[in-house]
Amino acid sequence: MNAFDRNINFDALFKFSQISRSTQQHLKNVYSSLAICMLMAAAGAYVHVVLRLFQSGYLKGGGLLSLLGSLALMAWLGMTPHSPDTEKKRLAILSGFAFLTGVGLGPTMDFVISINPSIILTAFLSTSVIFVCFTLSAMYAQRRSYLFLGGTLMSGLSLLFLLSLFNMFYGSALLFKAHLYIGLALMCAFVLFDTQLIIEKAEMGDKDYIWHCVDLFLDFVTIFRKLMIILAMNEKDKKKERK
């Protein structure tokens, strides 16, 4: 029998038998909200990079304002209970949070554009591939198999915080790069952990898809930011070597 004559069953490929139908519908809502977040974040980044709205006159502190604004909206979203009556309001808050998060990416994107603008597209495509691969890995894996990572990931974040605090005084380029690569690995693992945690919460009756979307959105943005910086630094090093 010719191996090339075999048909691929794509329906079976995307069946998640270990996940209930209600949870699969919940995940559709989560990723639909995530798509909205991506669009709003892209709009926010466009406002900063292209229109320079937050870089003129007294709005030069827009980076700090966008950070404080996004934190305030995130807190407001967390304090607003999930219900059919508050769904539209919470989606509006989520959109505002994503928009300001995109604005907050502006300074990093300015740095990357000054080196090579194509890095932004490369970083976005790479982040998308990483995110999809780790998401599918979490969905196809045995339920709860990655939840054990929780304690390790929290310890890793604490280590990164101490490393960045130490490097504020030491100023080592090597430590800064180590922080970036370790942080990137941790965030990839967080995609596995957060995806399975969302599934378990949904199976237990927690259907707050808007708040669950926030976790995955922050994972995506953090991976994207770190990849942009890593690629930009590598490109900068290559340019120095050519001179």
C-alpha atoms as a PDB file:
ATOM      1  CA  MET A   1       0.000   0.000   0.000  1.00  0.00           C
ATOM      2  CA  ASN A   2       1.320   3.413  -0.940  1.00  0.00           C
ATOM      3  CA  ALA A   3       1.812   5.595   2.131  1.00  0.00           C
ATOM      4  CA  PHE A   4       0.963   8.674   0.055  1.00  0.00           C
ATOM      5  CA  ASP A   5      -2.529   7.304  -0.662  1.00  0.00           C
ATOM      6  CA  ARG A   6      -3.553   7.578   2.980  1.00  0.00           C
ATOM      7  CA  ASN A   7      -6.101  10.248   3.798  1.00  0.00           C
ATOM      8  CA  ILE A   8      -5.621  12.571   6.741  1.00  0.00           C
ATOM      9  CA  ASN A   9      -8.652  12.800   9.002  1.00  0.00           C
ATOM     10  CA  PHE A  10      -8.632  16.467   9.960  1.00  0.00           C
ATOM     11  CA  ASP A  11     -11.862  16.072  11.967  1.00  0.00           C
ATOM     12  CA  ALA A  12     -10.148  13.573  14.230  1.00  0.00           C
ATOM     13  CA  LEU A  13      -7.089  15.821  14.431  1.00  0.00           C
ATOM     14  CA  PHE A  14      -9.065  18.606  16.107  1.00  0.00           C
ATOM     15  CA  LYS A  15     -11.172  16.443  18.426  1.00  0.00           C
ATOM     16  CA  PHE A  16     -10.396  16.778  22.116  1.00  0.00           C
ATOM     17  CA  SER A  17     -12.203  13.799  23.638  1.00  0.00           C
ATOM     18  CA  GLN A  18     -10.889  14.533  27.139  1.00  0.00           C
ATOM     19  CA  ILE A  19     -12.547  17.978  27.100  1.00  0.00           C
ATOM     20  CA  SER A  20     -16.320  18.251  27.536  1.00  0.00           C
ATOM     21  CA  ARG A  21     -18.465  20.033  24.950  1.00  0.00           C
ATOM     22  CA  SER A  22     -19.309  22.876  27.327  1.00  0.00           C
ATOM     23  CA  THR A  23     -15.618  23.463  28.012  1.00  0.00           C
ATOM     24  CA  GLN A  24     -14.835  23.366  24.279  1.00  0.00           C
ATOM     25  CA  GLN A  25     -17.459  26.092  23.786  1.00  0.00           C
ATOM     26  CA  HIS A  26     -15.886  28.010  26.671  1.00  0.00           C
ATOM     27  CA  LEU A  27     -12.486  27.778  24.961  1.00  0.00           C
ATOM     28  CA  LYS A  28     -14.005  29.129  21.737  1.00  0.00           C
ATOM     29  CA  ASN A  29     -15.217  32.152  23.709  1.00  0.00           C
ATOM     30  CA  VAL A  30     -11.780  32.548  25.312  1.00  0.00           C
ATOM     31  CA  TYR A  31      -9.931  32.530  21.991  1.00  0.00           C
ATOM     32  CA  SER A  32     -12.526  34.762  20.338  1.00  0.00           C
ATOM     33  CA  SER A  33     -11.911  37.298  23.110  1.00  0.00           C
ATOM     34  CA  LEU A  34      -8.177  36.805  22.648  1.00  0.00           C
ATOM     35  CA  ALA A  35      -8.543  37.700  18.952  1.00  0.00           C
ATOM     36  CA  ILE A  36     -10.308  40.926  19.962  1.00  0.00           C
ATOM     37  CA  CYS A  37      -7.449  41.676  22.380  1.00  0.00           C
ATOM     38  CA  MET A  38      -4.907  41.204  19.599  1.00  0.00           C
ATOM     39  CA  LEU A  39      -6.719  43.663  17.349  1.00  0.00           C
ATOM     40  CA  MET A  40      -7.040  46.248  20.115  1.00  0.00           C
ATOM     41  CA  ALA A  41      -3.381  45.824  21.134  1.00  0.00           C
ATOM     42  CA  ALA A  42      -2.334  46.268  17.489  1.00  0.00           C
ATOM     43  CA  ALA A  43      -4.404  49.461  17.359  1.00  0.00           C
ATOM     44  CA  GLY A  44      -2.736  50.710  20.541  1.00  0.00           C
ATOM     45  CA  ALA A  45       0.735  49.988  19.175  1.00  0.00           C
ATOM     46  CA  TYR A  46      -0.204  51.771  15.935  1.00  0.00           C
ATOM     47  CA  VAL A  47      -1.289  54.835  17.879  1.00  0.00           C
ATOM     48  CA  HIS A  48       2.058  54.975  19.670  1.00  0.00           C
ATOM     49  CA  VAL A  49       4.446  54.092  16.858  1.00  0.00           C
ATOM     50  CA  VAL A  50       2.811  55.769  13.860  1.00  0.00           C
ATOM     51  CA  LEU A  51       0.823  58.683  15.236  1.00  0.00           C
ATOM     52  CA  ARG A  52       3.149  59.380  18.189  1.00  0.00           C
ATOM     53  CA  LEU A  53       0.083  60.464  20.140  1.00  0.00           C
ATOM     54  CA  PHE A  54       1.696  59.914  23.506  1.00  0.00           C
ATOM     55  CA  GLN A  55       5.019  61.499  22.659  1.00  0.00           C
ATOM     56  CA  SER A  56       4.117  65.140  22.128  1.00  0.00           C
ATOM     57  CA  GLY A  57       4.127  67.960  24.648  1.00  0.00           C
ATOM     58  CA  TYR A  58       2.909  67.095  28.094  1.00  0.00           C
ATOM     59  CA  LEU A  59       1.969  63.572  26.947  1.00  0.00           C
ATOM     60  CA  LYS A  60       5.598  62.385  26.845  1.00  0.00           C
ATOM     61  CA  GLY A  61       4.880  60.358  29.975  1.00  0.00           C
ATOM     62  CA  GLY A  62       2.346  58.317  28.024  1.00  0.00           C
ATOM     63  CA  GLY A  63       4.289  55.098  28.638  1.00  0.00           C
ATOM     64  CA  LEU A  64       3.731  55.404  32.372  1.00  0.00           C
ATOM     65  CA  LEU A  65       0.147  56.592  31.877  1.00  0.00           C
ATOM     66  CA  SER A  66      -0.663  53.601  29.653  1.00  0.00           C
ATOM     67  CA  LEU A  67       0.844  51.216  32.235  1.00  0.00           C
ATOM     68  CA  LEU A  68      -1.160  52.738  35.088  1.00  0.00           C
ATOM     69  CA  GLY A  69      -4.277  52.827  32.922  1.00  0.00           C
ATOM     70  CA  SER A  70      -3.953  49.170  31.902  1.00  0.00           C
ATOM     71  CA  LEU A  71      -3.417  48.121  35.532  1.00  0.00           C
ATOM     72  CA  ALA A  72      -6.471  50.128  36.606  1.00  0.00           C
ATOM     73  CA  LEU A  73      -8.625  48.541  33.891  1.00  0.00           C
ATOM     74  CA  MET A  74      -7.346  45.079  34.788  1.00  0.00           C
ATOM     75  CA  ALA A  75      -8.282  45.660  38.435  1.00  0.00           C
ATOM     76  CA  TRP A  76     -11.699  46.986  37.381  1.00  0.00           C
ATOM     77  CA  LEU A  77     -12.249  43.917  35.213  1.00  0.00           C
ATOM     78  CA  GLY A  78     -11.282  41.603  38.065  1.00  0.00           C
ATOM     79  CA  MET A  79     -13.671  43.340  40.475  1.00  0.00           C
ATOM     80  CA  THR A  80     -16.606  43.260  38.047  1.00  0.00           C
ATOM     81  CA  PRO A  81     -18.495  39.977  38.476  1.00  0.00           C
ATOM     82  CA  HIS A  82     -19.072  37.770  35.460  1.00  0.00           C
ATOM     83  CA  SER A  83     -22.731  37.633  34.451  1.00  0.00           C
ATOM     84  CA  PRO A  84     -24.860  38.066  31.315  1.00  0.00           C
ATOM     85  CA  ASP A  85     -25.747  41.590  32.491  1.00  0.00           C
ATOM     86  CA  THR A  86     -22.103  42.691  32.799  1.00  0.00           C
ATOM     87  CA  GLU A  87     -20.758  40.804  29.764  1.00  0.00           C
ATOM     88  CA  LYS A  88     -20.757  43.765  27.340  1.00  0.00           C
ATOM     89  CA  LYS A  89     -19.318  46.077  29.989  1.00  0.00           C
ATOM     90  CA  ARG A  90     -16.517  43.630  30.777  1.00  0.00           C
ATOM     91  CA  LEU A  91     -15.732  43.144  27.075  1.00  0.00           C
ATOM     92  CA  ALA A  92     -15.425  46.927  26.749  1.00  0.00           C
ATOM     93  CA  ILE A  93     -13.068  47.014  29.746  1.00  0.00           C
ATOM     94  CA  LEU A  94     -11.066  44.146  28.244  1.00  0.00           C
ATOM     95  CA  SER A  95     -10.772  46.036  24.945  1.00  0.00           C
ATOM     96  CA  GLY A  96      -9.532  49.148  26.746  1.00  0.00           C
ATOM     97  CA  PHE A  97      -7.022  47.071  28.708  1.00  0.00           C
ATOM     98  CA  ALA A  98      -5.709  45.456  25.512  1.00  0.00           C
ATOM     99  CA  PHE A  99      -5.500  48.835  23.760  1.00  0.00           C
ATOM    100  CA  LEU A 100      -3.420  50.385  26.553  1.00  0.00           C
ATOM    101  CA  THR A 101      -1.249  47.265  26.692  1.00  0.00           C
ATOM    102  CA  GLY A 102      -0.538  47.781  22.982  1.00  0.00           C
ATOM    103  CA  VAL A 103       0.337  51.415  23.664  1.00  0.00           C
ATOM    104  CA  GLY A 104       2.719  50.176  26.371  1.00  0.00           C
ATOM    105  CA  LEU A 105       4.540  48.095  23.746  1.00  0.00           C
ATOM    106  CA  GLY A 106       5.355  51.309  21.873  1.00  0.00           C
ATOM    107  CA  PRO A 107       8.739  52.139  23.477  1.00  0.00           C
ATOM    108  CA  THR A 108      10.005  48.600  22.823  1.00  0.00           C
ATOM    109  CA  MET A 109       8.775  48.766  19.233  1.00  0.00           C
ATOM    110  CA  ASP A 110      10.488  52.144  18.779  1.00  0.00           C
ATOM    111  CA  PHE A 111      13.772  50.522  19.818  1.00  0.00           C
ATOM    112  CA  VAL A 112      13.220  47.593  17.445  1.00  0.00           C
ATOM    113  CA  ILE A 113      12.228  49.836  14.508  1.00  0.00           C
ATOM    114  CA  SER A 114      15.422  51.848  14.936  1.00  0.00           C
ATOM    115  CA  ILE A 115      17.395  48.629  14.343  1.00  0.00           C
ATOM    116  CA  ASN A 116      15.265  46.730  11.805  1.00  0.00           C
ATOM    117  CA  PRO A 117      11.478  47.185  11.378  1.00  0.00           C
ATOM    118  CA  SER A 118      11.063  43.677   9.917  1.00  0.00           C
ATOM    119  CA  ILE A 119      11.895  42.231  13.339  1.00  0.00           C
ATOM    120  CA  ILE A 120       8.385  43.143  14.535  1.00  0.00           C
ATOM    121  CA  LEU A 121       6.704  40.905  11.944  1.00  0.00           C
ATOM    122  CA  THR A 122       9.230  38.112  12.543  1.00  0.00           C
ATOM    123  CA  ALA A 123       8.664  38.297  16.302  1.00  0.00           C
ATOM    124  CA  PHE A 124       4.879  38.309  15.894  1.00  0.00           C
ATOM    125  CA  LEU A 125       4.849  35.301  13.551  1.00  0.00           C
ATOM    126  CA  SER A 126       7.296  33.429  15.807  1.00  0.00           C
ATOM    127  CA  THR A 127       5.174  34.223  18.870  1.00  0.00           C
ATOM    128  CA  SER A 128       2.045  33.006  17.084  1.00  0.00           C
ATOM    129  CA  VAL A 129       3.698  29.711  16.136  1.00  0.00           C
ATOM    130  CA  ILE A 130       5.034  29.203  19.681  1.00  0.00           C
ATOM    131  CA  PHE A 131       1.673  30.065  21.219  1.00  0.00           C
ATOM    132  CA  VAL A 132      -0.303  27.734  18.928  1.00  0.00           C
ATOM    133  CA  CYS A 133       2.126  24.834  19.408  1.00  0.00           C
ATOM    134  CA  PHE A 134       2.155  25.058  23.197  1.00  0.00           C
ATOM    135  CA  THR A 135      -1.627  25.574  23.305  1.00  0.00           C
ATOM    136  CA  LEU A 136      -2.259  22.452  21.236  1.00  0.00           C
ATOM    137  CA  SER A 137       0.267  20.532  23.353  1.00  0.00           C
ATOM    138  CA  ALA A 138      -1.683  21.476  26.480  1.00  0.00           C
ATOM    139  CA  MET A 139      -5.006  20.473  24.898  1.00  0.00           C
ATOM    140  CA  TYR A 140      -3.840  17.125  23.520  1.00  0.00           C
ATOM    141  CA  ALA A 141      -1.918  16.179  26.670  1.00  0.00           C
ATOM    142  CA  GLN A 142      -3.527  14.254  29.480  1.00  0.00           C
ATOM    143  CA  ARG A 143      -5.657  16.511  31.660  1.00  0.00           C
ATOM    144  CA  ARG A 144      -3.847  18.129  34.609  1.00  0.00           C
ATOM    145  CA  SER A 145      -0.494  16.791  33.332  1.00  0.00           C
ATOM    146  CA  TYR A 146       1.053  20.288  33.275  1.00  0.00           C
ATOM    147  CA  LEU A 147      -0.575  21.723  36.389  1.00  0.00           C
ATOM    148  CA  PHE A 148       2.384  20.527  38.460  1.00  0.00           C
ATOM    149  CA  LEU A 149       4.391  23.298  36.798  1.00  0.00           C
ATOM    150  CA  GLY A 150       2.653  25.949  38.897  1.00  0.00           C
ATOM    151  CA  GLY A 151       5.086  25.928  41.817  1.00  0.00           C
ATOM    152  CA  THR A 152       8.133  25.740  39.552  1.00  0.00           C
ATOM    153  CA  LEU A 153       6.920  28.654  37.434  1.00  0.00           C
ATOM    154  CA  MET A 154       6.279  30.831  40.472  1.00  0.00           C
ATOM    155  CA  SER A 155       9.778  30.047  41.735  1.00  0.00           C
ATOM    156  CA  GLY A 156      11.156  30.903  38.305  1.00  0.00           C
ATOM    157  CA  LEU A 157       9.403  34.283  38.344  1.00  0.00           C
ATOM    158  CA  SER A 158      10.829  34.995  41.793  1.00  0.00           C
ATOM    159  CA  LEU A 159      14.296  34.116  40.494  1.00  0.00           C
ATOM    160  CA  LEU A 160      13.840  36.458  37.527  1.00  0.00           C
ATOM    161  CA  PHE A 161      12.769  39.265  39.831  1.00  0.00           C
ATOM    162  CA  LEU A 162      15.846  38.806  42.015  1.00  0.00           C
ATOM    163  CA  LEU A 163      18.045  38.584  38.925  1.00  0.00           C
ATOM    164  CA  SER A 164      16.664  41.843  37.503  1.00  0.00           C
ATOM    165  CA  LEU A 165      16.979  43.533  40.902  1.00  0.00           C
ATOM    166  CA  PHE A 166      20.606  42.438  41.197  1.00  0.00           C
ATOM    167  CA  ASN A 167      21.359  43.513  37.643  1.00  0.00           C
ATOM    168  CA  MET A 168      20.022  47.020  38.321  1.00  0.00           C
ATOM    169  CA  PHE A 169      23.158  47.575  40.415  1.00  0.00           C
ATOM    170  CA  TYR A 170      25.573  45.309  38.531  1.00  0.00           C
ATOM    171  CA  GLY A 171      24.580  46.258  34.957  1.00  0.00           C
ATOM    172  CA  SER A 172      25.726  43.049  33.271  1.00  0.00           C
ATOM    173  CA  ALA A 173      24.775  42.513  29.611  1.00  0.00           C
ATOM    174  CA  LEU A 174      25.207  38.759  30.129  1.00  0.00           C
ATOM    175  CA  LEU A 175      22.750  38.727  33.027  1.00  0.00           C
ATOM    176  CA  PHE A 176      20.308  40.804  30.992  1.00  0.00           C
ATOM    177  CA  LYS A 177      20.421  38.265  28.146  1.00  0.00           C
ATOM    178  CA  ALA A 178      20.068  35.393  30.615  1.00  0.00           C
ATOM    179  CA  HIS A 179      17.007  37.141  32.060  1.00  0.00           C
ATOM    180  CA  LEU A 180      15.486  37.402  28.573  1.00  0.00           C
ATOM    181  CA  TYR A 181      16.051  33.777  27.575  1.00  0.00           C
ATOM    182  CA  ILE A 182      14.992  32.320  30.932  1.00  0.00           C
ATOM    183  CA  GLY A 183      11.935  34.572  30.908  1.00  0.00           C
ATOM    184  CA  LEU A 184      11.041  33.428  27.384  1.00  0.00           C
ATOM    185  CA  ALA A 185      11.265  29.762  28.423  1.00  0.00           C
ATOM    186  CA  LEU A 186       9.129  30.436  31.499  1.00  0.00           C
ATOM    187  CA  MET A 187       6.428  32.193  29.483  1.00  0.00           C
ATOM    188  CA  CYS A 188       6.260  29.292  27.018  1.00  0.00           C
ATOM    189  CA  ALA A 189       5.702  26.985  29.981  1.00  0.00           C
ATOM    190  CA  PHE A 190       3.050  29.393  31.282  1.00  0.00           C
ATOM    191  CA  VAL A 191       1.075  28.871  28.055  1.00  0.00           C
ATOM    192  CA  LEU A 192       0.960  25.145  28.857  1.00  0.00           C
ATOM    193  CA  PHE A 193       0.056  25.757  32.490  1.00  0.00           C
ATOM    194  CA  ASP A 194      -2.529  28.491  31.916  1.00  0.00           C
ATOM    195  CA  THR A 195      -4.270  26.577  29.113  1.00  0.00           C
ATOM    196  CA  GLN A 196      -4.717  23.482  31.242  1.00  0.00           C
ATOM    197  CA  LEU A 197      -5.707  25.584  34.262  1.00  0.00           C
ATOM    198  CA  ILE A 198      -8.415  27.306  32.201  1.00  0.00           C
ATOM    199  CA  ILE A 199      -9.699  23.909  31.065  1.00  0.00           C
ATOM    200  CA  GLU A 200      -9.851  22.630  34.647  1.00  0.00           C
ATOM    201  CA  LYS A 201     -11.573  25.782  35.904  1.00  0.00           C
ATOM    202  CA  ALA A 202     -14.147  25.489  33.111  1.00  0.00           C
ATOM    203  CA  GLU A 203     -14.738  21.811  33.936  1.00  0.00           C
ATOM    204  CA  MET A 204     -15.334  22.858  37.555  1.00  0.00           C
ATOM    205  CA  GLY A 205     -17.939  25.432  36.471  1.00  0.00           C
ATOM    206  CA  ASP A 206     -15.885  28.640  36.160  1.00  0.00           C
ATOM    207  CA  LYS A 207     -17.027  30.017  32.788  1.00  0.00           C
ATOM    208  CA  ASP A 208     -15.527  33.506  33.088  1.00  0.00           C
ATOM    209  CA  TYR A 209     -14.016  33.422  29.603  1.00  0.00           C
ATOM    210  CA  ILE A 210     -13.170  37.131  29.677  1.00  0.00           C
ATOM    211  CA  TRP A 211     -10.880  36.833  32.689  1.00  0.00           C
ATOM    212  CA  HIS A 212      -9.391  33.598  31.376  1.00  0.00           C
ATOM    213  CA  CYS A 213      -8.565  35.441  28.163  1.00  0.00           C
ATOM    214  CA  VAL A 214      -6.480  37.950  30.150  1.00  0.00           C
ATOM    215  CA  ASP A 215      -4.080  35.209  31.299  1.00  0.00           C
ATOM    216  CA  LEU A 216      -3.398  33.998  27.758  1.00  0.00           C
ATOM    217  CA  PHE A 217      -3.193  37.535  26.381  1.00  0.00           C
ATOM    218  CA  LEU A 218      -0.514  38.481  28.914  1.00  0.00           C
ATOM    219  CA  ASP A 219       1.403  35.285  28.052  1.00  0.00           C
ATOM    220  CA  PHE A 220       1.311  36.177  24.354  1.00  0.00           C
ATOM    221  CA  VAL A 221       2.333  39.808  24.863  1.00  0.00           C
ATOM    222  CA  THR A 222       5.225  38.878  27.150  1.00  0.00           C
ATOM    223  CA  ILE A 223       6.580  36.287  24.704  1.00  0.00           C
ATOM    224  CA  PHE A 224       6.227  38.819  21.860  1.00  0.00           C
ATOM    225  CA  ARG A 225       8.048  41.534  23.809  1.00  0.00           C
ATOM    226  CA  LYS A 226      10.927  39.262  24.786  1.00  0.00           C
ATOM    227  CA  LEU A 227      11.309  37.886  21.264  1.00  0.00           C
ATOM    228  CA  MET A 228      11.424  41.411  19.835  1.00  0.00           C
ATOM    229  CA  ILE A 229      14.200  42.403  22.235  1.00  0.00           C
ATOM    230  CA  ILE A 230      16.184  39.191  21.654  1.00  0.00           C
ATOM    231  CA  LEU A 231      15.978  39.486  17.867  1.00  0.00           C
ATOM    232  CA  ALA A 232      16.813  43.204  17.984  1.00  0.00           C
ATOM    233  CA  MET A 233      19.855  42.626  20.193  1.00  0.00           C
ATOM    234  CA  ASN A 234      21.087  39.822  17.922  1.00  0.00           C
ATOM    235  CA  GLU A 235      20.633  42.066  14.872  1.00  0.00           C
ATOM    236  CA  LYS A 236      22.493  44.872  16.610  1.00  0.00           C
ATOM    237  CA  ASP A 237      25.386  42.529  17.443  1.00  0.00           C
ATOM    238  CA  LYS A 238      25.545  41.391  13.803  1.00  0.00           C
ATOM    239  CA  LYS A 239      25.751  45.000  12.605  1.00  0.00           C
ATOM    240  CA  LYS A 240      28.615  45.658  15.010  1.00  0.00           C
ATOM    241  CA  GLU A 241      30.498  42.609  13.704  1.00  0.00           C
ATOM    242  CA  ARG A 242      30.145  43.822  10.100  1.00  0.00           C
ATOM    243  CA  LYS A 243      31.777  47.186  10.897  1.00  0.00           C
END
